[in-house]
């Protein structure tokens, strides 16, 4: 009876150790994946900000005769994309912490 108990105890101890290793490995992988995703989103956000900046600059210096409502409607998708990226960036940062 005692040997059976020891065998069961050893079996469950090994299973627990294996699960702990898997958890540590998964956590490290998730953090690495999250940091890569965060980096990608930051680059995408920077690109969108530059597009927005260039659109504003072009509108200011190159297209004074264009109706301001038309130029604002051209920027609207960029502003929405920028807002979405910032929100996604904040969510990922909260997940990492």
PDB file of N, CA and C in Angstrom:
ATOM      1  N   UNK A   1       0.824  -1.198   0.000  1.00  0.00           N
ATOM      2  CA  UNK A   1       0.000   0.000   0.000  1.00  0.00           C
ATOM      3  C   UNK A   1       0.868   1.262   0.000  1.00  0.00           C
ATOM      4  N   UNK A   2       1.930   1.204   0.799  1.00  0.00           N
ATOM      5  CA  UNK A   2       2.804   2.362   0.895  1.00  0.00           C
ATOM      6  C   UNK A   2       3.517   2.615  -0.436  1.00  0.00           C
ATOM      7  N   UNK A   3       3.959   1.574  -1.112  1.00  0.00           N
ATOM      8  CA  UNK A   3       4.629   1.726  -2.404  1.00  0.00           C
ATOM      9  C   UNK A   3       3.689   2.318  -3.439  1.00  0.00           C
ATOM     10  N   UNK A   4       2.425   1.905  -3.386  1.00  0.00           N
ATOM     11  CA  UNK A   4       1.431   2.456  -4.319  1.00  0.00           C
ATOM     12  C   UNK A   4       1.247   3.952  -4.084  1.00  0.00           C
ATOM     13  N   UNK A   5       1.180   4.339  -2.809  1.00  0.00           N
ATOM     14  CA  UNK A   5       1.028   5.755  -2.467  1.00  0.00           C
ATOM     15  C   UNK A   5       2.244   6.565  -2.934  1.00  0.00           C
ATOM     16  N   UNK A   6       3.427   6.013  -2.725  1.00  0.00           N
ATOM     17  CA  UNK A   6       4.648   6.685  -3.171  1.00  0.00           C
ATOM     18  C   UNK A   6       4.674   6.818  -4.695  1.00  0.00           C
ATOM     19  N   UNK A   7       4.244   5.767  -5.395  1.00  0.00           N
ATOM     20  CA  UNK A   7       4.214   5.805  -6.862  1.00  0.00           C
ATOM     21  C   UNK A   7       3.222   6.856  -7.360  1.00  0.00           C
ATOM     22  N   UNK A   8       2.064   6.918  -6.727  1.00  0.00           N
ATOM     23  CA  UNK A   8       1.048   7.922  -7.106  1.00  0.00           C
ATOM     24  C   UNK A   8       1.576   9.320  -6.820  1.00  0.00           C
ATOM     25  N   UNK A   9       2.193   9.496  -5.663  1.00  0.00           N
ATOM     26  CA  UNK A   9       2.754  10.798  -5.281  1.00  0.00           C
ATOM     27  C   UNK A   9       3.820  11.236  -6.284  1.00  0.00           C
ATOM     28  N   UNK A  10       4.701  10.301  -6.655  1.00  0.00           N
ATOM     29  CA  UNK A  10       5.772  10.603  -7.611  1.00  0.00           C
ATOM     30  C   UNK A  10       5.178  10.971  -8.969  1.00  0.00           C
ATOM     31  N   UNK A  11       4.152  10.226  -9.392  1.00  0.00           N
ATOM     32  CA  UNK A  11       3.504  10.485 -10.685  1.00  0.00           C
ATOM     33  C   UNK A  11       2.918  11.893 -10.726  1.00  0.00           C
ATOM     34  N   UNK A  12       2.183  12.257  -9.659  1.00  0.00           N
ATOM     35  CA  UNK A  12       1.565  13.584  -9.633  1.00  0.00           C
ATOM     36  C   UNK A  12       2.607  14.692  -9.484  1.00  0.00           C
ATOM     37  N   UNK A  13       3.672  14.429  -8.772  1.00  0.00           N
ATOM     38  CA  UNK A  13       4.748  15.416  -8.641  1.00  0.00           C
ATOM     39  C   UNK A  13       5.381  15.698  -9.997  1.00  0.00           C
ATOM     40  N   UNK A  14       5.623  14.650 -10.768  1.00  0.00           N
ATOM     41  CA  UNK A  14       6.191  14.831 -12.109  1.00  0.00           C
ATOM     42  C   UNK A  14       5.222  15.589 -13.022  1.00  0.00           C
ATOM     43  N   UNK A  15       3.937  15.289 -12.916  1.00  0.00           N
ATOM     44  CA  UNK A  15       2.943  16.001 -13.729  1.00  0.00           C
ATOM     45  C   UNK A  15       2.900  17.482 -13.369  1.00  0.00           C
ATOM     46  N   UNK A  16       2.964  17.768 -12.079  1.00  0.00           N
ATOM     47  CA  UNK A  16       2.946  19.169 -11.632  1.00  0.00           C
ATOM     48  C   UNK A  16       4.186  19.906 -12.126  1.00  0.00           C
ATOM     49  N   UNK A  17       5.344  19.271 -12.037  1.00  0.00           N
ATOM     50  CA  UNK A  17       6.573  19.893 -12.522  1.00  0.00           C
ATOM     51  C   UNK A  17       6.501  20.159 -14.024  1.00  0.00           C
ATOM     52  N   UNK A  18       5.962  19.199 -14.760  1.00  0.00           N
ATOM     53  CA  UNK A  18       5.817  19.374 -16.203  1.00  0.00           C
ATOM     54  C   UNK A  18       4.884  20.533 -16.524  1.00  0.00           C
ATOM     55  N   UNK A  19       3.759  20.618 -15.811  1.00  0.00           N
ATOM     56  CA  UNK A  19       2.822  21.723 -16.033  1.00  0.00           C
ATOM     57  C   UNK A  19       3.459  23.071 -15.688  1.00  0.00           C
ATOM     58  N   UNK A  20       4.263  23.109 -14.634  1.00  0.00           N
ATOM     59  CA  UNK A  20       4.952  24.364 -14.277  1.00  0.00           C
ATOM     60  C   UNK A  20       5.923  24.786 -15.381  1.00  0.00           C
ATOM     61  N   UNK A  21       6.668  23.811 -15.931  1.00  0.00           N
ATOM     62  CA  UNK A  21       7.591  24.123 -17.033  1.00  0.00           C
ATOM     63  C   UNK A  21       6.824  24.668 -18.238  1.00  0.00           C
ATOM     64  N   UNK A  22       5.697  24.009 -18.547  1.00  0.00           N
ATOM     65  CA  UNK A  22       4.890  24.473 -19.682  1.00  0.00           C
ATOM     66  C   UNK A  22       4.382  25.885 -19.450  1.00  0.00           C
ATOM     67  N   UNK A  23       3.961  26.175 -18.228  1.00  0.00           N
ATOM     68  CA  UNK A  23       3.441  27.500 -17.899  1.00  0.00           C
ATOM     69  C   UNK A  23       4.525  28.560 -18.042  1.00  0.00           C
ATOM     70  N   UNK A  24       5.715  28.282 -17.537  1.00  0.00           N
ATOM     71  CA  UNK A  24       6.821  29.244 -17.646  1.00  0.00           C
ATOM     72  C   UNK A  24       7.181  29.468 -19.109  1.00  0.00           C
ATOM     73  N   UNK A  25       7.238  28.388 -19.886  1.00  0.00           N
ATOM     74  CA  UNK A  25       7.558  28.511 -21.312  1.00  0.00           C
ATOM     75  C   UNK A  25       6.492  29.314 -22.045  1.00  0.00           C
ATOM     76  N   UNK A  26       5.229  29.033 -21.764  1.00  0.00           N
ATOM     77  CA  UNK A  26       4.137  29.746 -22.421  1.00  0.00           C
ATOM     78  C   UNK A  26       4.151  31.222 -22.042  1.00  0.00           C
ATOM     79  N   UNK A  27       4.391  31.510 -20.774  1.00  0.00           N
ATOM     80  CA  UNK A  27       4.427  32.901 -20.326  1.00  0.00           C
ATOM     81  C   UNK A  27       5.538  33.671 -21.044  1.00  0.00           C
ATOM     82  N   UNK A  28       6.712  33.070 -21.145  1.00  0.00           N
ATOM     83  CA  UNK A  28       7.828  33.719 -21.838  1.00  0.00           C
ATOM     84  C   UNK A  28       7.481  33.929 -23.314  1.00  0.00           C
ATOM     85  N   UNK A  29       6.866  32.928 -23.927  1.00  0.00           N
ATOM     86  CA  UNK A  29       6.470  33.049 -25.338  1.00  0.00           C
ATOM     87  C   UNK A  29       5.443  34.153 -25.513  1.00  0.00           C
ATOM     88  N   UNK A  30       4.438  34.210 -24.622  1.00  0.00           N
ATOM     89  CA  UNK A  30       3.398  35.230 -24.712  1.00  0.00           C
ATOM     90  C   UNK A  30       3.982  36.630 -24.557  1.00  0.00           C
ATOM     91  N   UNK A  31       4.917  36.788 -23.619  1.00  0.00           N
ATOM     92  CA  UNK A  31       5.539  38.100 -23.424  1.00  0.00           C
ATOM     93  C   UNK A  31       6.342  38.503 -24.651  1.00  0.00           C
ATOM     94  N   UNK A  32       7.071  37.556 -25.229  1.00  0.00           N
ATOM     95  CA  UNK A  32       7.851  37.839 -26.428  1.00  0.00           C
ATOM     96  C   UNK A  32       6.928  38.206 -27.589  1.00  0.00           C
ATOM     97  N   UNK A  33       5.869  37.431 -27.751  1.00  0.00           N
ATOM     98  CA  UNK A  33       4.904  37.685 -28.826  1.00  0.00           C
ATOM     99  C   UNK A  33       4.226  39.041 -28.622  1.00  0.00           C
ATOM    100  N   UNK A  34       3.880  39.355 -27.382  1.00  0.00           N
ATOM    101  CA  UNK A  34       3.246  40.640 -27.081  1.00  0.00           C
ATOM    102  C   UNK A  34       4.190  41.800 -27.378  1.00  0.00           C
ATOM    103  N   UNK A  35       5.459  41.637 -27.034  1.00  0.00           N
ATOM    104  CA  UNK A  35       6.404  42.729 -27.294  1.00  0.00           C
ATOM    105  C   UNK A  35       6.610  42.925 -28.791  1.00  0.00           C
ATOM    106  N   UNK A  36       6.623  41.835 -29.567  1.00  0.00           N
ATOM    107  CA  UNK A  36       6.727  41.969 -31.021  1.00  0.00           C
ATOM    108  C   UNK A  36       5.497  42.662 -31.600  1.00  0.00           C
ATOM    109  N   UNK A  37       4.334  42.281 -31.110  1.00  0.00           N
ATOM    110  CA  UNK A  37       3.087  42.895 -31.582  1.00  0.00           C
ATOM    111  C   UNK A  37       3.062  44.381 -31.211  1.00  0.00           C
ATOM    112  N   UNK A  38       3.510  44.699 -30.010  1.00  0.00           N
ATOM    113  CA  UNK A  38       3.567  46.083 -29.570  1.00  0.00           C
ATOM    114  C   UNK A  38       4.516  46.888 -30.450  1.00  0.00           C
ATOM    115  N   UNK A  39       5.658  46.328 -30.772  1.00  0.00           N
ATOM    116  CA  UNK A  39       6.622  46.992 -31.646  1.00  0.00           C
ATOM    117  C   UNK A  39       6.021  47.234 -33.030  1.00  0.00           C
ATOM    118  N   UNK A  40       5.332  46.229 -33.562  1.00  0.00           N
ATOM    119  CA  UNK A  40       4.702  46.361 -34.874  1.00  0.00           C
ATOM    120  C   UNK A  40       3.650  47.470 -34.857  1.00  0.00           C
ATOM    121  N   UNK A  41       2.847  47.510 -33.794  1.00  0.00           N
ATOM    122  CA  UNK A  41       1.806  48.534 -33.699  1.00  0.00           C
ATOM    123  C   UNK A  41       2.396  49.936 -33.568  1.00  0.00           C
ATOM    124  N   UNK A  42       3.499  50.044 -32.835  1.00  0.00           N
ATOM    125  CA  UNK A  42       4.152  51.351 -32.710  1.00  0.00           C
ATOM    126  C   UNK A  42       4.648  51.841 -34.065  1.00  0.00           C
ATOM    127  N   UNK A  43       5.231  50.932 -34.849  1.00  0.00           N
ATOM    128  CA  UNK A  43       5.705  51.312 -36.186  1.00  0.00           C
ATOM    129  C   UNK A  43       4.539  51.711 -37.074  1.00  0.00           C
ATOM    130  N   UNK A  44       3.458  50.954 -36.991  1.00  0.00           N
ATOM    131  CA  UNK A  44       2.283  51.265 -37.804  1.00  0.00           C
ATOM    132  C   UNK A  44       1.676  52.604 -37.387  1.00  0.00           C
ATOM    133  N   UNK A  45       1.653  52.866 -36.089  1.00  0.00           N
ATOM    134  CA  UNK A  45       1.152  54.135 -35.586  1.00  0.00           C
ATOM    135  C   UNK A  45       2.035  55.293 -36.055  1.00  0.00           C
ATOM    136  N   UNK A  46       3.327  55.112 -36.005  1.00  0.00           N
ATOM    137  CA  UNK A  46       4.257  56.144 -36.458  1.00  0.00           C
ATOM    138  C   UNK A  46       4.060  56.416 -37.953  1.00  0.00           C
ATOM    139  N   UNK A  47       3.880  55.354 -38.727  1.00  0.00           N
ATOM    140  CA  UNK A  47       3.649  55.511 -40.159  1.00  0.00           C
ATOM    141  C   UNK A  47       2.365  56.301 -40.414  1.00  0.00           C
ATOM    142  N   UNK A  48       1.318  55.978 -39.677  1.00  0.00           N
ATOM    143  CA  UNK A  48       0.042  56.681 -39.841  1.00  0.00           C
ATOM    144  C   UNK A  48       0.184  58.143 -39.439  1.00  0.00           C
ATOM    145  N   UNK A  49       0.921  58.398 -38.359  1.00  0.00           N
ATOM    146  CA  UNK A  49       1.138  59.780 -37.941  1.00  0.00           C
ATOM    147  C   UNK A  49       1.901  60.571 -39.011  1.00  0.00           C
ATOM    148  N   UNK A  50       2.888  59.935 -39.632  1.00  0.00           N
ATOM    149  CA  UNK A  50       3.637  60.613 -40.696  1.00  0.00           C
ATOM    150  C   UNK A  50       2.741  60.889 -41.907  1.00  0.00           C
ATOM    151  N   UNK A  51       1.882  59.926 -42.248  1.00  0.00           N
ATOM    152  CA  UNK A  51       0.951  60.152 -43.351  1.00  0.00           C
ATOM    153  C   UNK A  51       0.023  61.318 -43.037  1.00  0.00           C
ATOM    154  N   UNK A  52      -0.450  61.368 -41.808  1.00  0.00           N
ATOM    155  CA  UNK A  52      -1.326  62.450 -41.376  1.00  0.00           C
ATOM    156  C   UNK A  52      -0.587  63.789 -41.422  1.00  0.00           C
ATOM    157  N   UNK A  53       0.637  63.800 -40.929  1.00  0.00           N
ATOM    158  CA  UNK A  53       1.454  65.012 -40.952  1.00  0.00           C
ATOM    159  C   UNK A  53       1.694  65.474 -42.388  1.00  0.00           C
ATOM    160  N   UNK A  54       2.052  64.535 -43.270  1.00  0.00           N
ATOM    161  CA  UNK A  54       2.300  64.887 -44.669  1.00  0.00           C
ATOM    162  C   UNK A  54       1.033  65.379 -45.353  1.00  0.00           C
ATOM    163  N   UNK A  55      -0.095  64.784 -45.012  1.00  0.00           N
ATOM    164  CA  UNK A  55      -1.362  65.229 -45.594  1.00  0.00           C
ATOM    165  C   UNK A  55      -1.670  66.660 -45.174  1.00  0.00           C
ATOM    166  N   UNK A  56      -1.444  66.953 -43.896  1.00  0.00           N
ATOM    167  CA  UNK A  56      -1.680  68.310 -43.405  1.00  0.00           C
ATOM    168  C   UNK A  56      -0.725  69.298 -44.066  1.00  0.00           C
ATOM    169  N   UNK A  57       0.552  68.899 -44.174  1.00  0.00           N
ATOM    170  CA  UNK A  57       1.549  69.785 -44.770  1.00  0.00           C
ATOM    171  C   UNK A  57       1.230  70.048 -46.239  1.00  0.00           C
ATOM    172  N   UNK A  58       0.863  68.999 -46.954  1.00  0.00           N
ATOM    173  CA  UNK A  58       0.510  69.150 -48.365  1.00  0.00           C
ATOM    174  C   UNK A  58      -0.699  70.054 -48.511  1.00  0.00           C
ATOM    175  N   UNK A  59      -1.671  69.848 -47.650  1.00  0.00           N
ATOM    176  CA  UNK A  59      -2.876  70.670 -47.714  1.00  0.00           C
ATOM    177  C   UNK A  59      -2.545  72.129 -47.428  1.00  0.00           C
ATOM    178  N   UNK A  60      -1.670  72.368 -46.449  1.00  0.00           N
ATOM    179  CA  UNK A  60      -1.341  73.733 -46.056  1.00  0.00           C
ATOM    180  C   UNK A  60      -0.522  74.453 -47.127  1.00  0.00           C
ATOM    181  N   UNK A  61       0.499  73.777 -47.668  1.00  0.00           N
ATOM    182  CA  UNK A  61       1.416  74.451 -48.581  1.00  0.00           C
ATOM    183  C   UNK A  61       1.084  74.257 -50.053  1.00  0.00           C
ATOM    184  N   UNK A  62       0.446  73.165 -50.397  1.00  0.00           N
ATOM    185  CA  UNK A  62       0.252  72.887 -51.813  1.00  0.00           C
ATOM    186  C   UNK A  62      -1.155  73.027 -52.322  1.00  0.00           C
ATOM    187  N   UNK A  63      -2.126  73.114 -51.420  1.00  0.00           N
ATOM    188  CA  UNK A  63      -3.498  73.103 -51.881  1.00  0.00           C
ATOM    189  C   UNK A  63      -4.340  74.139 -51.149  1.00  0.00           C
ATOM    190  N   UNK A  64      -3.920  75.392 -51.182  1.00  0.00           N
ATOM    191  CA  UNK A  64      -4.684  76.436 -50.494  1.00  0.00           C
ATOM    192  C   UNK A  64      -6.070  76.628 -51.102  1.00  0.00           C
ATOM    193  N   UNK A  65      -6.193  76.327 -52.384  1.00  0.00           N
ATOM    194  CA  UNK A  65      -7.463  76.558 -53.059  1.00  0.00           C
ATOM    195  C   UNK A  65      -8.451  75.404 -52.906  1.00  0.00           C
ATOM    196  N   UNK A  66      -8.047  74.323 -52.239  1.00  0.00           N
ATOM    197  CA  UNK A  66      -8.949  73.190 -52.046  1.00  0.00           C
ATOM    198  C   UNK A  66      -9.901  73.507 -50.896  1.00  0.00           C
ATOM    199  N   UNK A  67     -11.129  73.111 -51.053  1.00  0.00           N
ATOM    200  CA  UNK A  67     -12.126  73.337 -50.021  1.00  0.00           C
ATOM    201  C   UNK A  67     -11.704  72.613 -48.738  1.00  0.00           C
ATOM    202  N   UNK A  68     -11.793  73.296 -47.600  1.00  0.00           N
ATOM    203  CA  UNK A  68     -11.320  72.707 -46.344  1.00  0.00           C
ATOM    204  C   UNK A  68     -12.153  71.498 -45.935  1.00  0.00           C
ATOM    205  N   UNK A  69     -13.401  71.441 -46.284  1.00  0.00           N
ATOM    206  CA  UNK A  69     -14.214  70.276 -45.916  1.00  0.00           C
ATOM    207  C   UNK A  69     -13.757  69.040 -46.672  1.00  0.00           C
ATOM    208  N   UNK A  70     -13.332  69.195 -47.936  1.00  0.00           N
ATOM    209  CA  UNK A  70     -12.817  68.054 -48.693  1.00  0.00           C
ATOM    210  C   UNK A  70     -11.515  67.534 -48.096  1.00  0.00           C
ATOM    211  N   UNK A  71     -10.628  68.441 -47.699  1.00  0.00           N
ATOM    212  CA  UNK A  71      -9.344  68.008 -47.151  1.00  0.00           C
ATOM    213  C   UNK A  71      -9.535  67.335 -45.795  1.00  0.00           C
ATOM    214  N   UNK A  72     -10.491  67.805 -45.017  1.00  0.00           N
ATOM    215  CA  UNK A  72     -10.763  67.160 -43.738  1.00  0.00           C
ATOM    216  C   UNK A  72     -11.331  65.766 -43.936  1.00  0.00           C
ATOM    217  N   UNK A  73     -12.169  65.595 -44.921  1.00  0.00           N
ATOM    218  CA  UNK A  73     -12.726  64.267 -45.164  1.00  0.00           C
ATOM    219  C   UNK A  73     -11.637  63.308 -45.641  1.00  0.00           C
ATOM    220  N   UNK A  74     -10.604  63.834 -46.311  1.00  0.00           N
ATOM    221  CA  UNK A  74      -9.481  62.990 -46.724  1.00  0.00           C
ATOM    222  C   UNK A  74      -8.681  62.511 -45.514  1.00  0.00           C
ATOM    223  N   UNK A  75      -8.624  63.310 -44.479  1.00  0.00           N
ATOM    224  CA  UNK A  75      -7.851  62.959 -43.287  1.00  0.00           C
ATOM    225  C   UNK A  75      -8.625  62.058 -42.327  1.00  0.00           C
ATOM    226  N   UNK A  76      -9.922  62.021 -42.463  1.00  0.00           N
ATOM    227  CA  UNK A  76     -10.745  61.275 -41.517  1.00  0.00           C
ATOM    228  C   UNK A  76     -10.343  59.801 -41.386  1.00  0.00           C
ATOM    229  N   UNK A  77     -10.133  59.059 -42.492  1.00  0.00           N
ATOM    230  CA  UNK A  77      -9.717  57.653 -42.327  1.00  0.00           C
ATOM    231  C   UNK A  77      -8.380  57.508 -41.591  1.00  0.00           C
ATOM    232  N   UNK A  78      -7.469  58.457 -41.837  1.00  0.00           N
ATOM    233  CA  UNK A  78      -6.171  58.405 -41.169  1.00  0.00           C
ATOM    234  C   UNK A  78      -6.326  58.650 -39.665  1.00  0.00           C
ATOM    235  N   UNK A  79      -7.190  59.597 -39.311  1.00  0.00           N
ATOM    236  CA  UNK A  79      -7.408  59.881 -37.898  1.00  0.00           C
ATOM    237  C   UNK A  79      -8.063  58.695 -37.192  1.00  0.00           C
ATOM    238  N   UNK A  80      -9.017  58.058 -37.870  1.00  0.00           N
ATOM    239  CA  UNK A  80      -9.670  56.891 -37.293  1.00  0.00           C
ATOM    240  C   UNK A  80      -8.671  55.751 -37.112  1.00  0.00           C
ATOM    241  N   UNK A  81      -7.822  55.535 -38.110  1.00  0.00           N
ATOM    242  CA  UNK A  81      -6.822  54.478 -38.029  1.00  0.00           C
ATOM    243  C   UNK A  81      -5.844  54.770 -36.891  1.00  0.00           C
ATOM    244  N   UNK A  82      -5.460  56.014 -36.755  1.00  0.00           N
ATOM    245  CA  UNK A  82      -4.544  56.405 -35.684  1.00  0.00           C
ATOM    246  C   UNK A  82      -5.181  56.119 -34.322  1.00  0.00           C
ATOM    247  N   UNK A  83      -6.449  56.468 -34.164  1.00  0.00           N
ATOM    248  CA  UNK A  83      -7.139  56.228 -32.901  1.00  0.00           C
ATOM    249  C   UNK A  83      -7.230  54.733 -32.591  1.00  0.00           C
ATOM    250  N   UNK A  84      -7.537  53.924 -33.594  1.00  0.00           N
ATOM    251  CA  UNK A  84      -7.622  52.477 -33.407  1.00  0.00           C
ATOM    252  C   UNK A  84      -6.277  51.897 -32.975  1.00  0.00           C
ATOM    253  N   UNK A  85      -5.213  52.349 -33.625  1.00  0.00           N
ATOM    254  CA  UNK A  85      -3.882  51.852 -33.290  1.00  0.00           C
ATOM    255  C   UNK A  85      -3.470  52.254 -31.880  1.00  0.00           C
ATOM    256  N   UNK A  86      -3.795  53.485 -31.492  1.00  0.00           N
ATOM    257  CA  UNK A  86      -3.456  53.919 -30.142  1.00  0.00           C
ATOM    258  C   UNK A  86      -4.208  53.103 -29.098  1.00  0.00           C
ATOM    259  N   UNK A  87      -5.488  52.826 -29.361  1.00  0.00           N
ATOM    260  CA  UNK A  87      -6.281  52.016 -28.444  1.00  0.00           C
ATOM    261  C   UNK A  87      -5.714  50.605 -28.340  1.00  0.00           C
ATOM    262  N   UNK A  88      -5.386  50.009 -29.477  1.00  0.00           N
ATOM    263  CA  UNK A  88      -4.826  48.654 -29.485  1.00  0.00           C
ATOM    264  C   UNK A  88      -3.474  48.627 -28.772  1.00  0.00           C
ATOM    265  N   UNK A  89      -2.686  49.667 -28.965  1.00  0.00           N
ATOM    266  CA  UNK A  89      -1.386  49.780 -28.314  1.00  0.00           C
ATOM    267  C   UNK A  89      -1.549  49.825 -26.791  1.00  0.00           C
ATOM    268  N   UNK A  90      -2.498  50.623 -26.310  1.00  0.00           N
ATOM    269  CA  UNK A  90      -2.749  50.726 -24.883  1.00  0.00           C
ATOM    270  C   UNK A  90      -3.211  49.393 -24.306  1.00  0.00           C
ATOM    271  N   UNK A  91      -4.072  48.681 -25.036  1.00  0.00           N
ATOM    272  CA  UNK A  91      -4.556  47.387 -24.565  1.00  0.00           C
ATOM    273  C   UNK A  91      -3.414  46.389 -24.442  1.00  0.00           C
ATOM    274  N   UNK A  92      -2.516  46.374 -25.421  1.00  0.00           N
ATOM    275  CA  UNK A  92      -1.384  45.446 -25.360  1.00  0.00           C
ATOM    276  C   UNK A  92      -0.448  45.798 -24.206  1.00  0.00           C
ATOM    277  N   UNK A  93      -0.245  47.077 -23.972  1.00  0.00           N
ATOM    278  CA  UNK A  93       0.624  47.477 -22.868  1.00  0.00           C
ATOM    279  C   UNK A  93       0.023  47.043 -21.537  1.00  0.00           C
ATOM    280  N   UNK A  94      -1.295  47.130 -21.408  1.00  0.00           N
ATOM    281  CA  UNK A  94      -1.959  46.707 -20.177  1.00  0.00           C
ATOM    282  C   UNK A  94      -1.839  45.192 -20.006  1.00  0.00           C
ATOM    283  N   UNK A  95      -1.896  44.428 -21.102  1.00  0.00           N
ATOM    284  CA  UNK A  95      -1.766  42.987 -21.020  1.00  0.00           C
ATOM    285  C   UNK A  95      -0.364  42.587 -20.573  1.00  0.00           C
ATOM    286  N   UNK A  96       0.635  43.292 -21.053  1.00  0.00           N
ATOM    287  CA  UNK A  96       2.015  42.976 -20.692  1.00  0.00           C
ATOM    288  C   UNK A  96       2.254  43.241 -19.216  1.00  0.00           C
ATOM    289  N   UNK A  97       1.705  44.327 -18.717  1.00  0.00           N
ATOM    290  CA  UNK A  97       1.916  44.682 -17.311  1.00  0.00           C
ATOM    291  C   UNK A  97       1.055  43.794 -16.478  1.00  0.00           C
TER     292      UNK A  97
END
